[in-house]
Amino acid sequence: MNLLQAYIVNEKSTNRTISNKLKEVWSLIGFEALVWISGLAYLGLIHSPGGTHFTICPLSNLGFEFCPGCGLGNSISYIFKGDFIASFNSHPLGIFALLIITLRIITIIKNNRRKYA
């Protein structure tokens, strides 16, 4: 076996190993947890709370002034930025919502770990 063939064989086994690792991580996290983690990452890293934006809230789009869920995203974003007073003013249940979402992510990962490990 020449040097090029040895490199190609080694490269294929490395790719297979990386592919296996990605499959293990995917089976551990799962789709739902990935969606929750991505949403929290968006709120923590990208979202600018307090600004106006397009909303998919059906109550807001129908013209209602009050919606029980509006402001939760801003509230969680304020929590990630360390402004707990603005978070509470944006939505009083923001801290509770973040806690519930975090517990849901942990539960999903624990269940997947028992199931696939």
Protein backbone atom coordinates (compact mmCIF):
# COMPACT_ATOMS: atom_id res chain seq x y z
CA MET A 1 0.00 0.00 0.00
CA ASN A 2 1.48 3.30 -1.01
CA LEU A 3 1.26 6.50 0.97
CA LEU A 4 -1.72 7.90 -1.00
CA GLN A 5 -3.79 4.74 -0.50
CA ALA A 6 -2.99 4.76 3.22
CA TYR A 7 -4.10 8.41 3.43
CA ILE A 8 -7.38 7.66 1.62
CA VAL A 9 -8.16 4.69 3.90
CA ASN A 10 -7.34 6.78 6.99
CA GLU A 11 -9.49 9.67 5.70
CA LYS A 12 -12.47 7.37 5.11
CA SER A 13 -12.24 5.93 8.61
CA THR A 14 -11.97 9.45 10.07
CA ASN A 15 -15.06 10.57 8.14
CA ARG A 16 -16.90 7.47 9.33
CA THR A 17 -15.91 8.26 12.90
CA ILE A 18 -17.08 11.86 12.60
CA SER A 19 -20.34 10.68 11.04
CA ASN A 20 -20.87 8.22 13.89
CA LYS A 21 -20.19 10.93 16.47
CA LEU A 22 -22.69 13.29 14.81
CA LYS A 23 -25.30 10.52 14.81
CA GLU A 24 -24.65 9.91 18.52
CA VAL A 25 -25.03 13.62 19.34
CA TRP A 26 -28.20 13.86 17.22
CA SER A 27 -29.75 10.84 18.94
CA LEU A 28 -28.81 12.27 22.35
CA ILE A 29 -30.23 15.75 21.73
CA GLY A 30 -33.15 15.02 19.41
CA PHE A 31 -35.14 17.37 17.22
CA GLU A 32 -37.35 18.97 19.87
CA ALA A 33 -34.46 19.82 22.19
CA LEU A 34 -32.51 21.20 19.22
CA VAL A 35 -35.43 23.51 18.39
CA TRP A 36 -35.65 24.76 22.00
CA ILE A 37 -31.87 25.23 22.24
CA SER A 38 -31.83 27.10 18.91
CA GLY A 39 -34.66 29.37 20.05
CA LEU A 40 -32.91 30.19 23.32
CA ALA A 41 -29.64 30.78 21.48
CA TYR A 42 -31.45 33.20 19.15
CA LEU A 43 -32.95 35.08 22.08
CA GLY A 44 -29.64 35.20 23.91
CA LEU A 45 -27.28 36.03 21.06
CA ILE A 46 -29.17 37.73 18.25
CA HIS A 47 -32.51 39.11 19.41
CA SER A 48 -32.65 42.79 20.33
CA PRO A 49 -35.43 43.13 22.91
CA GLY A 50 -37.78 46.07 22.85
CA GLY A 51 -37.71 46.60 19.11
CA THR A 52 -40.70 46.24 16.85
CA HIS A 53 -40.82 43.33 14.48
CA PHE A 54 -43.17 41.18 12.47
CA THR A 55 -45.21 38.94 14.71
CA ILE A 56 -46.89 35.61 14.07
CA CYS A 57 -49.15 36.06 17.11
CA PRO A 58 -52.73 35.45 15.91
CA LEU A 59 -54.27 37.68 18.59
CA SER A 60 -51.98 40.58 17.76
CA ASN A 61 -52.59 40.14 14.03
CA LEU A 62 -56.36 40.22 14.65
CA GLY A 63 -55.99 43.59 16.38
CA PHE A 64 -56.37 42.57 20.02
CA GLU A 65 -54.36 44.71 22.44
CA PHE A 66 -53.73 41.98 25.00
CA CYS A 67 -52.12 38.62 24.35
CA PRO A 68 -51.03 36.43 27.27
CA GLY A 69 -47.89 35.27 25.45
CA CYS A 70 -46.69 38.49 23.86
CA GLY A 71 -43.52 39.75 25.49
CA LEU A 72 -42.16 36.34 26.56
CA GLY A 73 -39.41 36.40 23.95
CA ASN A 74 -38.36 39.90 24.95
CA SER A 75 -38.50 38.90 28.61
CA ILE A 76 -36.21 35.89 28.08
CA SER A 77 -33.86 38.01 25.97
CA TYR A 78 -33.63 40.56 28.78
CA ILE A 79 -32.83 37.73 31.23
CA PHE A 80 -29.91 36.63 29.05
CA LYS A 81 -28.65 40.20 29.02
CA GLY A 82 -28.91 40.38 32.83
CA ASP A 83 -31.69 42.99 32.99
CA PHE A 84 -34.17 41.25 35.29
CA ILE A 85 -36.29 44.34 35.96
CA ALA A 86 -36.87 44.96 32.24
CA SER A 87 -37.56 41.24 31.90
CA PHE A 88 -40.27 41.38 34.54
CA ASN A 89 -41.72 44.55 33.02
CA SER A 90 -41.81 42.93 29.59
CA HIS A 91 -43.60 39.81 30.87
CA PRO A 92 -43.88 38.72 34.51
CA LEU A 93 -43.66 35.01 33.62
CA GLY A 94 -40.45 35.25 31.56
CA ILE A 95 -38.22 33.76 34.27
CA PHE A 96 -40.74 30.96 34.83
CA ALA A 97 -40.94 30.28 31.07
CA LEU A 98 -37.15 30.09 30.80
CA LEU A 99 -37.07 27.66 33.72
CA ILE A 100 -39.75 25.45 32.14
CA ILE A 101 -38.00 25.42 28.74
CA THR A 102 -34.66 24.59 30.38
CA LEU A 103 -36.23 21.74 32.35
CA ARG A 104 -37.86 20.45 29.17
CA ILE A 105 -34.51 20.39 27.37
CA ILE A 106 -32.92 18.52 30.28
CA THR A 107 -35.79 16.02 30.39
CA ILE A 108 -35.55 15.33 26.65
CA ILE A 109 -31.79 14.77 26.83
CA LYS A 110 -32.14 12.49 29.88
CA ASN A 111 -34.84 10.43 28.16
CA ASN A 112 -32.80 10.15 24.97
CA ARG A 113 -29.75 9.17 26.99
CA ARG A 114 -31.67 6.33 28.64
CA LYS A 115 -33.19 5.32 25.32
CA TYR A 116 -30.09 5.36 23.11
CA ALA A 117 -27.17 4.93 25.48
